[in-house]
Amino acid sequence: MTVVGITGQSGAGKGEASKILTSLGFSVIDADAVYHNVIFPPSKCLDELVFHFGRGILTAGGLLNRQTLSSMVFGEENKERLQLLNEITHKHVCNEIRRLLSSFKAIGCERAVIDAPLLIEAGLDRDCDFVISIIADRETRILRIMARDSITREAAERRVDSQKAVEFYTEFSDFTVENNKDLSSLSKEIKKILISKDIINGNG
């Protein structure tokens, strides 16, 4: 089974890249969806988060309030909290992703994608045959995040400024794709990579 890793900056277009790969016959594991599953109570991951960040991160119904938690960990002054959050969630998310990969392989799946914003940091790149990072200009990412998550510009800027620099992705990825244009351009770049790896032919 060929496993492709998709990662990159928030707002760069990782989700769109995964949709393109889905259209080309890949089964996609969305790390964000996995995260939602592993924090849904009863949850060992959620219990750990409450222990370290307090019950204030929960809604009245006992679910994780992601906006409250985000406000506690994003920003230059909160780097240690963000690192702690990642350490807690990575192990639970990674275990579930690897379980899903095994199940895909067991049923004869030939192509799979791990779509994970922290793919490299979590060590999931080691489970991939190659990694594609999606990057985009800062302003483009800010506007996309504001539209996608319905948050203020200030909140979007804090999120963007908490991301790794472009150099991180170019260093640790096999391919880096700039996604500052339209979906057609992104699709062409993704297909070029797959053709170079002999996964699809020139006709897609």
N, C-alpha and C. Protein backbone atom coordinates (compact mmCIF):
# COMPACT_ATOMS: atom_id res chain seq x y z
N MET A 1 0.84 -1.20 0.00
CA MET A 1 0.00 0.00 0.00
C MET A 1 0.87 1.25 0.00
N THR A 2 0.61 2.15 -0.91
CA THR A 2 1.33 3.42 -0.96
C THR A 2 0.67 4.41 -0.01
N VAL A 3 1.45 4.98 0.91
CA VAL A 3 0.92 5.94 1.87
C VAL A 3 1.58 7.30 1.63
N VAL A 4 0.76 8.30 1.37
CA VAL A 4 1.23 9.66 1.13
C VAL A 4 0.88 10.53 2.33
N GLY A 5 1.82 11.32 2.80
CA GLY A 5 1.55 12.25 3.88
C GLY A 5 1.29 13.64 3.32
N ILE A 6 0.21 14.26 3.80
CA ILE A 6 -0.09 15.64 3.43
C ILE A 6 -0.01 16.49 4.69
N THR A 7 0.81 17.53 4.66
CA THR A 7 0.93 18.42 5.81
C THR A 7 1.15 19.83 5.31
N GLY A 8 1.41 20.74 6.22
CA GLY A 8 1.64 22.13 5.83
C GLY A 8 1.00 23.10 6.79
N GLN A 9 1.03 24.35 6.41
CA GLN A 9 0.56 25.43 7.27
C GLN A 9 -0.97 25.51 7.31
N SER A 10 -1.49 25.98 8.42
CA SER A 10 -2.93 26.19 8.54
C SER A 10 -3.39 27.20 7.50
N GLY A 11 -4.46 26.86 6.80
CA GLY A 11 -4.99 27.75 5.78
C GLY A 11 -4.32 27.63 4.43
N ALA A 12 -3.35 26.73 4.32
CA ALA A 12 -2.63 26.59 3.05
C ALA A 12 -3.40 25.77 2.02
N GLY A 13 -4.26 24.85 2.50
CA GLY A 13 -5.04 24.06 1.58
C GLY A 13 -4.81 22.56 1.65
N LYS A 14 -4.45 22.06 2.83
CA LYS A 14 -4.23 20.62 2.98
C LYS A 14 -5.49 19.83 2.67
N GLY A 15 -6.62 20.32 3.14
CA GLY A 15 -7.88 19.64 2.91
C GLY A 15 -8.21 19.53 1.43
N GLU A 16 -7.94 20.61 0.69
CA GLU A 16 -8.21 20.59 -0.74
C GLU A 16 -7.29 19.59 -1.44
N ALA A 17 -6.04 19.53 -1.01
CA ALA A 17 -5.10 18.55 -1.58
C ALA A 17 -5.59 17.14 -1.33
N SER A 18 -6.13 16.88 -0.15
CA SER A 18 -6.65 15.55 0.17
C SER A 18 -7.86 15.20 -0.69
N LYS A 19 -8.71 16.20 -0.95
CA LYS A 19 -9.87 15.95 -1.81
C LYS A 19 -9.42 15.57 -3.23
N ILE A 20 -8.37 16.23 -3.69
CA ILE A 20 -7.83 15.90 -5.02
C ILE A 20 -7.33 14.46 -5.03
N LEU A 21 -6.63 14.06 -3.98
CA LEU A 21 -6.13 12.69 -3.90
C LEU A 21 -7.27 11.68 -3.78
N THR A 22 -8.33 12.05 -3.09
CA THR A 22 -9.50 11.18 -3.00
C THR A 22 -10.07 10.92 -4.39
N SER A 23 -10.12 11.97 -5.21
CA SER A 23 -10.64 11.83 -6.56
C SER A 23 -9.76 10.94 -7.44
N LEU A 24 -8.53 10.73 -6.98
CA LEU A 24 -7.58 9.90 -7.72
C LEU A 24 -7.46 8.49 -7.13
N GLY A 25 -8.39 8.15 -6.26
CA GLY A 25 -8.45 6.78 -5.75
C GLY A 25 -7.78 6.53 -4.42
N PHE A 26 -7.44 7.59 -3.69
CA PHE A 26 -6.81 7.44 -2.39
C PHE A 26 -7.87 7.41 -1.28
N SER A 27 -7.63 6.57 -0.27
CA SER A 27 -8.43 6.59 0.95
C SER A 27 -7.74 7.54 1.93
N VAL A 28 -8.50 8.48 2.47
CA VAL A 28 -7.91 9.55 3.28
C VAL A 28 -8.19 9.35 4.76
N ILE A 29 -7.14 9.49 5.55
CA ILE A 29 -7.26 9.56 7.00
C ILE A 29 -7.04 11.02 7.40
N ASP A 30 -8.08 11.65 7.89
CA ASP A 30 -8.04 13.06 8.30
C ASP A 30 -7.69 13.12 9.79
N ALA A 31 -6.48 13.59 10.09
CA ALA A 31 -6.02 13.62 11.48
C ALA A 31 -6.92 14.49 12.36
N ASP A 32 -7.51 15.54 11.77
CA ASP A 32 -8.39 16.40 12.55
C ASP A 32 -9.66 15.65 12.94
N ALA A 33 -10.18 14.83 12.02
CA ALA A 33 -11.36 14.02 12.32
C ALA A 33 -11.02 12.96 13.37
N VAL A 34 -9.82 12.39 13.26
CA VAL A 34 -9.37 11.42 14.26
C VAL A 34 -9.27 12.09 15.62
N TYR A 35 -8.74 13.32 15.64
CA TYR A 35 -8.63 14.08 16.88
C TYR A 35 -10.00 14.26 17.52
N HIS A 36 -11.00 14.61 16.71
CA HIS A 36 -12.36 14.77 17.23
C HIS A 36 -12.84 13.49 17.89
N ASN A 37 -12.52 12.36 17.27
CA ASN A 37 -12.96 11.07 17.81
C ASN A 37 -12.27 10.73 19.13
N VAL A 38 -10.96 11.01 19.20
CA VAL A 38 -10.23 10.59 20.42
C VAL A 38 -10.48 11.52 21.60
N ILE A 39 -11.08 12.70 21.37
CA ILE A 39 -11.39 13.59 22.49
C ILE A 39 -12.86 13.52 22.89
N PHE A 40 -13.64 12.68 22.18
CA PHE A 40 -15.06 12.57 22.51
C PHE A 40 -15.22 11.67 23.74
N PRO A 41 -15.88 12.17 24.78
CA PRO A 41 -15.99 11.39 26.01
C PRO A 41 -16.86 10.13 25.83
N PRO A 42 -16.54 9.08 26.61
CA PRO A 42 -15.41 8.97 27.55
C PRO A 42 -14.09 8.83 26.79
N SER A 43 -13.08 9.58 27.23
CA SER A 43 -11.85 9.67 26.46
C SER A 43 -10.65 9.85 27.38
N LYS A 44 -9.66 8.96 27.23
CA LYS A 44 -8.43 9.10 28.00
C LYS A 44 -7.69 10.38 27.61
N CYS A 45 -7.76 10.71 26.31
CA CYS A 45 -7.10 11.93 25.84
C CYS A 45 -7.72 13.16 26.48
N LEU A 46 -9.05 13.23 26.50
CA LEU A 46 -9.74 14.37 27.10
C LEU A 46 -9.44 14.45 28.59
N ASP A 47 -9.39 13.32 29.27
CA ASP A 47 -9.07 13.31 30.70
C ASP A 47 -7.68 13.93 30.95
N GLU A 48 -6.71 13.61 30.08
CA GLU A 48 -5.37 14.17 30.23
C GLU A 48 -5.37 15.68 30.00
N LEU A 49 -6.14 16.12 29.01
CA LEU A 49 -6.20 17.55 28.72
C LEU A 49 -6.81 18.32 29.90
N VAL A 50 -7.86 17.78 30.48
CA VAL A 50 -8.50 18.43 31.64
C VAL A 50 -7.54 18.47 32.82
N PHE A 51 -6.79 17.40 33.02
CA PHE A 51 -5.83 17.35 34.13
C PHE A 51 -4.81 18.48 34.02
N HIS A 52 -4.33 18.75 32.78
CA HIS A 52 -3.27 19.74 32.60
C HIS A 52 -3.79 21.16 32.37
N PHE A 53 -4.96 21.30 31.75
CA PHE A 53 -5.44 22.64 31.39
C PHE A 53 -6.66 23.09 32.19
N GLY A 54 -7.23 22.19 32.99
CA GLY A 54 -8.35 22.57 33.85
C GLY A 54 -9.71 22.31 33.22
N ARG A 55 -10.73 22.24 34.07
CA ARG A 55 -12.09 21.95 33.61
C ARG A 55 -12.68 23.12 32.82
N GLY A 56 -12.02 24.24 32.83
CA GLY A 56 -12.49 25.39 32.06
C GLY A 56 -12.46 25.17 30.56
N ILE A 57 -11.77 24.13 30.11
CA ILE A 57 -11.72 23.84 28.66
C ILE A 57 -12.92 23.02 28.21
N LEU A 58 -13.81 22.68 29.16
CA LEU A 58 -14.98 21.89 28.82
C LEU A 58 -16.22 22.76 28.67
N THR A 59 -17.14 22.31 27.82
CA THR A 59 -18.44 22.96 27.71
C THR A 59 -19.31 22.48 28.86
N ALA A 60 -20.51 23.07 28.97
CA ALA A 60 -21.43 22.66 30.04
C ALA A 60 -21.82 21.19 29.88
N GLY A 61 -21.75 20.69 28.64
CA GLY A 61 -22.11 19.30 28.40
C GLY A 61 -20.95 18.33 28.53
N GLY A 62 -19.77 18.84 28.92
CA GLY A 62 -18.62 17.96 29.14
C GLY A 62 -17.78 17.68 27.92
N LEU A 63 -18.03 18.42 26.84
CA LEU A 63 -17.22 18.27 25.63
C LEU A 63 -16.07 19.27 25.65
N LEU A 64 -15.08 19.03 24.80
CA LEU A 64 -13.96 19.97 24.72
C LEU A 64 -14.38 21.23 23.98
N ASN A 65 -14.12 22.37 24.58
CA ASN A 65 -14.35 23.65 23.92
C ASN A 65 -13.06 24.02 23.21
N ARG A 66 -12.99 23.76 21.91
CA ARG A 66 -11.74 23.93 21.17
C ARG A 66 -11.31 25.39 21.10
N GLN A 67 -12.29 26.31 21.03
CA GLN A 67 -11.92 27.72 20.97
C GLN A 67 -11.28 28.18 22.27
N THR A 68 -11.80 27.71 23.40
CA THR A 68 -11.21 28.07 24.69
C THR A 68 -9.80 27.52 24.80
N LEU A 69 -9.63 26.26 24.41
CA LEU A 69 -8.30 25.65 24.47
C LEU A 69 -7.34 26.36 23.52
N SER A 70 -7.82 26.71 22.33
CA SER A 70 -6.97 27.41 21.36
C SER A 70 -6.48 28.73 21.90
N SER A 71 -7.36 29.45 22.60
CA SER A 71 -6.97 30.76 23.15
C SER A 71 -5.90 30.62 24.21
N MET A 72 -5.78 29.43 24.80
CA MET A 72 -4.79 29.20 25.84
C MET A 72 -3.43 28.78 25.29
N VAL A 73 -3.40 28.25 24.06
CA VAL A 73 -2.15 27.67 23.57
C VAL A 73 -1.53 28.40 22.38
N PHE A 74 -2.33 29.21 21.65
CA PHE A 74 -1.77 29.89 20.49
C PHE A 74 -1.20 31.25 20.89
N GLY A 75 -0.15 31.65 20.19
CA GLY A 75 0.51 32.91 20.50
C GLY A 75 1.93 32.67 21.00
N GLU A 76 2.78 33.64 20.75
CA GLU A 76 4.20 33.53 21.07
C GLU A 76 4.44 33.25 22.55
N GLU A 77 3.57 33.80 23.39
CA GLU A 77 3.77 33.67 24.84
C GLU A 77 3.32 32.31 25.38
N ASN A 78 2.69 31.50 24.54
CA ASN A 78 2.12 30.23 25.01
C ASN A 78 2.79 29.00 24.39
N LYS A 79 4.04 29.13 23.97
CA LYS A 79 4.71 28.03 23.28
C LYS A 79 4.78 26.76 24.12
N GLU A 80 5.03 26.89 25.42
CA GLU A 80 5.15 25.71 26.27
C GLU A 80 3.81 24.99 26.40
N ARG A 81 2.72 25.77 26.49
CA ARG A 81 1.39 25.16 26.57
C ARG A 81 1.05 24.43 25.27
N LEU A 82 1.41 25.03 24.14
CA LEU A 82 1.15 24.40 22.85
C LEU A 82 1.93 23.10 22.72
N GLN A 83 3.17 23.10 23.19
CA GLN A 83 3.98 21.89 23.14
C GLN A 83 3.36 20.79 23.99
N LEU A 84 2.86 21.15 25.18
CA LEU A 84 2.22 20.18 26.06
C LEU A 84 0.96 19.61 25.40
N LEU A 85 0.15 20.49 24.81
CA LEU A 85 -1.06 20.04 24.12
C LEU A 85 -0.71 19.02 23.04
N ASN A 86 0.31 19.34 22.26
CA ASN A 86 0.70 18.45 21.16
C ASN A 86 1.20 17.09 21.68
N GLU A 87 1.97 17.13 22.76
CA GLU A 87 2.48 15.88 23.33
C GLU A 87 1.35 14.97 23.78
N ILE A 88 0.32 15.56 24.38
CA ILE A 88 -0.80 14.76 24.87
C ILE A 88 -1.61 14.17 23.72
N THR A 89 -1.94 15.03 22.75
CA THR A 89 -2.83 14.58 21.67
C THR A 89 -2.13 13.69 20.65
N HIS A 90 -0.82 13.94 20.41
CA HIS A 90 -0.11 13.18 19.38
C HIS A 90 -0.20 11.67 19.62
N LYS A 91 0.06 11.25 20.83
CA LYS A 91 0.12 9.80 21.07
C LYS A 91 -1.21 9.13 20.82
N HIS A 92 -2.31 9.79 21.19
CA HIS A 92 -3.63 9.20 20.99
C HIS A 92 -4.02 9.21 19.52
N VAL A 93 -3.75 10.32 18.85
CA VAL A 93 -4.09 10.43 17.43
C VAL A 93 -3.24 9.48 16.59
N CYS A 94 -1.95 9.41 16.88
CA CYS A 94 -1.05 8.54 16.12
C CYS A 94 -1.43 7.07 16.25
N ASN A 95 -1.77 6.65 17.45
CA ASN A 95 -2.18 5.26 17.66
C ASN A 95 -3.40 4.92 16.82
N GLU A 96 -4.37 5.84 16.77
CA GLU A 96 -5.59 5.58 16.01
C GLU A 96 -5.32 5.61 14.51
N ILE A 97 -4.47 6.52 14.05
CA ILE A 97 -4.13 6.58 12.62
C ILE A 97 -3.44 5.30 12.18
N ARG A 98 -2.53 4.80 13.00
CA ARG A 98 -1.83 3.56 12.65
C ARG A 98 -2.78 2.36 12.66
N ARG A 99 -3.76 2.39 13.53
CA ARG A 99 -4.77 1.33 13.53
C ARG A 99 -5.57 1.38 12.23
N LEU A 100 -5.93 2.59 11.78
CA LEU A 100 -6.70 2.75 10.54
C LEU A 100 -5.88 2.30 9.33
N LEU A 101 -4.58 2.64 9.32
CA LEU A 101 -3.72 2.20 8.22
C LEU A 101 -3.68 0.68 8.13
N SER A 102 -3.58 0.04 9.27
CA SER A 102 -3.55 -1.43 9.29
C SER A 102 -4.85 -2.01 8.76
N SER A 103 -5.97 -1.37 9.10
CA SER A 103 -7.26 -1.87 8.62
C SER A 103 -7.39 -1.66 7.12
N PHE A 104 -6.87 -0.53 6.60
CA PHE A 104 -6.89 -0.29 5.15
C PHE A 104 -6.09 -1.38 4.42
N LYS A 105 -4.91 -1.65 4.95
CA LYS A 105 -4.04 -2.64 4.32
C LYS A 105 -4.68 -4.03 4.35
N ALA A 106 -5.37 -4.33 5.43
CA ALA A 106 -5.99 -5.65 5.59
C ALA A 106 -7.09 -5.90 4.56
N ILE A 107 -7.74 -4.83 4.10
CA ILE A 107 -8.83 -5.00 3.13
C ILE A 107 -8.35 -4.78 1.70
N GLY A 108 -7.02 -4.64 1.52
CA GLY A 108 -6.46 -4.54 0.18
C GLY A 108 -6.41 -3.16 -0.42
N CYS A 109 -6.49 -2.14 0.41
CA CYS A 109 -6.39 -0.76 -0.08
C CYS A 109 -5.00 -0.53 -0.68
N GLU A 110 -4.94 0.08 -1.86
CA GLU A 110 -3.66 0.29 -2.54
C GLU A 110 -3.07 1.68 -2.32
N ARG A 111 -3.91 2.67 -2.04
CA ARG A 111 -3.44 4.04 -1.89
C ARG A 111 -4.11 4.71 -0.70
N ALA A 112 -3.32 5.29 0.18
CA ALA A 112 -3.87 5.96 1.35
C ALA A 112 -3.15 7.28 1.59
N VAL A 113 -3.86 8.21 2.21
CA VAL A 113 -3.31 9.52 2.54
C VAL A 113 -3.50 9.79 4.02
N ILE A 114 -2.47 10.29 4.67
CA ILE A 114 -2.60 10.82 6.03
C ILE A 114 -2.55 12.33 5.91
N ASP A 115 -3.66 12.99 6.19
CA ASP A 115 -3.76 14.44 6.16
C ASP A 115 -3.62 14.94 7.60
N ALA A 116 -2.44 15.47 7.93
CA ALA A 116 -2.16 15.85 9.32
C ALA A 116 -1.33 17.13 9.39
N PRO A 117 -1.83 18.17 10.04
CA PRO A 117 -1.06 19.41 10.15
C PRO A 117 0.27 19.24 10.88
N LEU A 118 0.32 18.28 11.80
CA LEU A 118 1.55 18.04 12.56
C LEU A 118 2.13 16.66 12.22
N LEU A 119 2.01 16.28 10.99
CA LEU A 119 2.48 14.97 10.51
C LEU A 119 3.94 14.72 10.87
N ILE A 120 4.79 15.71 10.59
CA ILE A 120 6.24 15.56 10.81
C ILE A 120 6.55 15.59 12.30
N GLU A 121 5.96 16.56 13.00
CA GLU A 121 6.23 16.70 14.44
C GLU A 121 5.80 15.46 15.22
N ALA A 122 4.71 14.82 14.76
CA ALA A 122 4.20 13.63 15.45
C ALA A 122 4.94 12.35 15.06
N GLY A 123 5.81 12.44 14.06
CA GLY A 123 6.54 11.27 13.61
C GLY A 123 5.77 10.39 12.64
N LEU A 124 4.62 10.87 12.17
CA LEU A 124 3.82 10.08 11.24
C LEU A 124 4.43 10.05 9.84
N ASP A 125 5.38 10.94 9.58
CA ASP A 125 6.05 10.92 8.28
C ASP A 125 6.78 9.59 8.07
N ARG A 126 7.16 8.93 9.17
CA ARG A 126 7.85 7.65 9.07
C ARG A 126 6.92 6.53 8.60
N ASP A 127 5.62 6.78 8.66
CA ASP A 127 4.64 5.81 8.19
C ASP A 127 4.28 6.04 6.72
N CYS A 128 4.88 7.07 6.10
CA CYS A 128 4.54 7.46 4.73
C CYS A 128 5.67 7.10 3.76
N ASP A 129 5.28 6.81 2.53
CA ASP A 129 6.27 6.58 1.47
C ASP A 129 6.91 7.89 1.05
N PHE A 130 6.13 8.96 1.05
CA PHE A 130 6.67 10.30 0.83
C PHE A 130 5.69 11.34 1.37
N VAL A 131 6.20 12.55 1.59
CA VAL A 131 5.42 13.62 2.22
C VAL A 131 5.32 14.81 1.28
N ILE A 132 4.10 15.34 1.15
CA ILE A 132 3.86 16.57 0.39
C ILE A 132 3.42 17.65 1.37
N SER A 133 4.12 18.77 1.39
CA SER A 133 3.71 19.90 2.22
C SER A 133 3.03 20.96 1.35
N ILE A 134 1.91 21.47 1.85
CA ILE A 134 1.18 22.53 1.17
C ILE A 134 1.45 23.83 1.93
N ILE A 135 1.93 24.83 1.20
CA ILE A 135 2.23 26.13 1.81
C ILE A 135 1.52 27.23 1.03
N ALA A 136 1.41 28.41 1.64
CA ALA A 136 0.79 29.55 0.97
C ALA A 136 1.25 30.83 1.65
N ASP A 137 1.04 31.95 0.99
CA ASP A 137 1.42 33.25 1.55
C ASP A 137 0.66 33.52 2.85
N ARG A 138 1.27 34.29 3.74
CA ARG A 138 0.68 34.58 5.05
C ARG A 138 -0.71 35.20 4.92
N GLU A 139 -0.84 36.23 4.08
CA GLU A 139 -2.12 36.92 3.95
C GLU A 139 -3.20 35.99 3.40
N THR A 140 -2.83 35.16 2.45
CA THR A 140 -3.77 34.20 1.88
C THR A 140 -4.28 33.25 2.96
N ARG A 141 -3.37 32.78 3.79
CA ARG A 141 -3.75 31.84 4.85
C ARG A 141 -4.65 32.51 5.89
N ILE A 142 -4.34 33.75 6.24
CA ILE A 142 -5.16 34.47 7.22
C ILE A 142 -6.60 34.60 6.72
N LEU A 143 -6.77 35.00 5.48
CA LEU A 143 -8.11 35.18 4.91
C LEU A 143 -8.85 33.85 4.82
N ARG A 144 -8.15 32.79 4.47
CA ARG A 144 -8.79 31.48 4.37
C ARG A 144 -9.25 30.99 5.74
N ILE A 145 -8.41 31.17 6.76
CA ILE A 145 -8.76 30.73 8.11
C ILE A 145 -9.96 31.52 8.64
N MET A 146 -9.97 32.82 8.41
CA MET A 146 -11.09 33.66 8.85
C MET A 146 -12.40 33.17 8.23
N ALA A 147 -12.36 32.88 6.93
CA ALA A 147 -13.56 32.42 6.23
C ALA A 147 -13.96 31.02 6.66
N ARG A 148 -12.98 30.14 6.83
CA ARG A 148 -13.25 28.74 7.17
C ARG A 148 -13.78 28.57 8.58
N ASP A 149 -13.17 29.27 9.55
CA ASP A 149 -13.49 29.06 10.95
C ASP A 149 -14.35 30.15 11.57
N SER A 150 -14.69 31.16 10.77
CA SER A 150 -15.52 32.28 11.24
C SER A 150 -14.93 32.92 12.50
N ILE A 151 -13.64 33.24 12.41
CA ILE A 151 -12.96 33.88 13.54
C ILE A 151 -12.44 35.25 13.11
N THR A 152 -12.02 36.04 14.09
CA THR A 152 -11.52 37.38 13.81
C THR A 152 -10.15 37.32 13.15
N ARG A 153 -9.77 38.44 12.55
CA ARG A 153 -8.44 38.50 11.94
C ARG A 153 -7.36 38.31 12.99
N GLU A 154 -7.56 38.90 14.17
CA GLU A 154 -6.56 38.76 15.24
C GLU A 154 -6.36 37.31 15.62
N ALA A 155 -7.46 36.57 15.76
CA ALA A 155 -7.36 35.15 16.11
C ALA A 155 -6.68 34.36 15.01
N ALA A 156 -7.00 34.69 13.76
CA ALA A 156 -6.38 34.00 12.62
C ALA A 156 -4.88 34.30 12.57
N GLU A 157 -4.49 35.53 12.84
CA GLU A 157 -3.08 35.90 12.84
C GLU A 157 -2.32 35.15 13.92
N ARG A 158 -2.92 35.02 15.09
CA ARG A 158 -2.27 34.29 16.18
C ARG A 158 -2.04 32.84 15.77
N ARG A 159 -3.00 32.26 15.09
CA ARG A 159 -2.87 30.88 14.65
C ARG A 159 -1.77 30.75 13.60
N VAL A 160 -1.77 31.65 12.64
CA VAL A 160 -0.77 31.62 11.57
C VAL A 160 0.63 31.81 12.14
N ASP A 161 0.76 32.74 13.08
CA ASP A 161 2.07 33.05 13.63
C ASP A 161 2.59 31.96 14.58
N SER A 162 1.73 31.01 14.93
CA SER A 162 2.16 29.88 15.75
C SER A 162 2.66 28.71 14.90
N GLN A 163 2.55 28.86 13.57
CA GLN A 163 2.94 27.78 12.66
C GLN A 163 4.45 27.76 12.43
N LYS A 164 4.92 26.62 11.96
CA LYS A 164 6.32 26.50 11.56
C LYS A 164 6.57 27.37 10.32
N ALA A 165 7.82 27.79 10.16
CA ALA A 165 8.20 28.57 8.98
C ALA A 165 8.23 27.68 7.75
N VAL A 166 8.18 28.31 6.58
CA VAL A 166 8.21 27.57 5.32
C VAL A 166 9.43 26.66 5.24
N GLU A 167 10.56 27.13 5.75
CA GLU A 167 11.80 26.37 5.68
C GLU A 167 11.68 25.01 6.37
N PHE A 168 10.87 24.92 7.39
CA PHE A 168 10.66 23.64 8.08
C PHE A 168 10.07 22.62 7.13
N TYR A 169 9.08 23.04 6.35
CA TYR A 169 8.40 22.13 5.44
C TYR A 169 9.28 21.75 4.25
N THR A 170 10.02 22.71 3.73
CA THR A 170 10.90 22.40 2.60
C THR A 170 12.02 21.45 3.03
N GLU A 171 12.44 21.54 4.29
CA GLU A 171 13.52 20.68 4.77
C GLU A 171 13.06 19.25 5.02
N PHE A 172 11.87 19.10 5.59
CA PHE A 172 11.44 17.78 6.04
C PHE A 172 10.43 17.09 5.14
N SER A 173 10.09 17.71 4.01
CA SER A 173 9.15 17.10 3.08
C SER A 173 9.87 16.66 1.81
N ASP A 174 9.28 15.70 1.14
CA ASP A 174 9.83 15.27 -0.16
C ASP A 174 9.42 16.22 -1.27
N PHE A 175 8.22 16.81 -1.11
CA PHE A 175 7.72 17.78 -2.09
C PHE A 175 7.04 18.93 -1.36
N THR A 176 7.18 20.14 -1.89
CA THR A 176 6.50 21.31 -1.33
C THR A 176 5.72 21.99 -2.44
N VAL A 177 4.43 22.23 -2.19
CA VAL A 177 3.56 22.82 -3.20
C VAL A 177 3.04 24.16 -2.69
N GLU A 178 3.24 25.22 -3.46
CA GLU A 178 2.69 26.54 -3.13
C GLU A 178 1.26 26.61 -3.65
N ASN A 179 0.34 26.92 -2.76
CA ASN A 179 -1.08 26.96 -3.11
C ASN A 179 -1.64 28.36 -2.93
N ASN A 180 -1.19 29.27 -3.79
CA ASN A 180 -1.66 30.65 -3.74
C ASN A 180 -2.66 30.97 -4.85
N LYS A 181 -2.92 29.97 -5.72
CA LYS A 181 -3.80 30.21 -6.86
C LYS A 181 -5.12 29.47 -6.68
N ASP A 182 -5.62 28.89 -7.77
CA ASP A 182 -6.92 28.21 -7.70
C ASP A 182 -6.74 26.69 -7.57
N LEU A 183 -7.87 25.99 -7.44
CA LEU A 183 -7.84 24.55 -7.23
C LEU A 183 -7.27 23.81 -8.44
N SER A 184 -7.50 24.36 -9.62
CA SER A 184 -6.97 23.74 -10.83
C SER A 184 -5.45 23.69 -10.79
N SER A 185 -4.83 24.77 -10.35
CA SER A 185 -3.37 24.83 -10.26
C SER A 185 -2.86 23.84 -9.22
N LEU A 186 -3.55 23.76 -8.08
CA LEU A 186 -3.16 22.82 -7.04
C LEU A 186 -3.27 21.38 -7.55
N SER A 187 -4.35 21.08 -8.26
CA SER A 187 -4.55 19.75 -8.80
C SER A 187 -3.43 19.36 -9.77
N LYS A 188 -3.03 20.29 -10.60
CA LYS A 188 -1.95 20.02 -11.56
C LYS A 188 -0.64 19.69 -10.85
N GLU A 189 -0.34 20.43 -9.78
CA GLU A 189 0.90 20.19 -9.04
C GLU A 189 0.88 18.83 -8.34
N ILE A 190 -0.27 18.49 -7.76
CA ILE A 190 -0.40 17.19 -7.09
C ILE A 190 -0.24 16.06 -8.09
N LYS A 191 -0.86 16.19 -9.24
CA LYS A 191 -0.77 15.15 -10.27
C LYS A 191 0.66 15.00 -10.79
N LYS A 192 1.38 16.11 -10.92
CA LYS A 192 2.78 16.04 -11.36
C LYS A 192 3.61 15.18 -10.41
N ILE A 193 3.36 15.35 -9.12
CA ILE A 193 4.10 14.57 -8.12
C ILE A 193 3.76 13.09 -8.24
N LEU A 194 2.48 12.78 -8.37
CA LEU A 194 2.06 11.38 -8.47
C LEU A 194 2.59 10.73 -9.73
N ILE A 195 2.66 11.49 -10.82
CA ILE A 195 3.22 10.96 -12.07
C ILE A 195 4.71 10.67 -11.89
N SER A 196 5.41 11.58 -11.20
CA SER A 196 6.85 11.39 -10.98
C SER A 196 7.14 10.17 -10.12
N LYS A 197 6.17 9.78 -9.29
CA LYS A 197 6.34 8.60 -8.42
C LYS A 197 5.71 7.35 -9.04
N ASP A 198 5.25 7.47 -10.30
CA ASP A 198 4.64 6.34 -11.02
C ASP A 198 3.40 5.80 -10.33
N ILE A 199 2.66 6.67 -9.66
CA ILE A 199 1.44 6.24 -9.00
C ILE A 199 0.25 6.40 -9.94
N ILE A 200 0.28 7.43 -10.77
CA ILE A 200 -0.72 7.59 -11.84
C ILE A 200 0.04 7.83 -13.13
N ASN A 201 -0.65 7.66 -14.24
CA ASN A 201 -0.02 7.96 -15.52
C ASN A 201 -0.35 9.40 -15.94
N GLY A 202 0.13 9.80 -17.05
CA GLY A 202 -0.05 11.17 -17.50
C GLY A 202 -1.49 11.57 -17.76
N ASN A 203 -2.38 10.58 -17.82
CA ASN A 203 -3.79 10.86 -18.04
C ASN A 203 -4.57 10.95 -16.72
N GLY A 204 -3.80 10.83 -15.59
CA GLY A 204 -4.43 10.93 -14.28
C GLY A 204 -5.11 9.64 -13.85
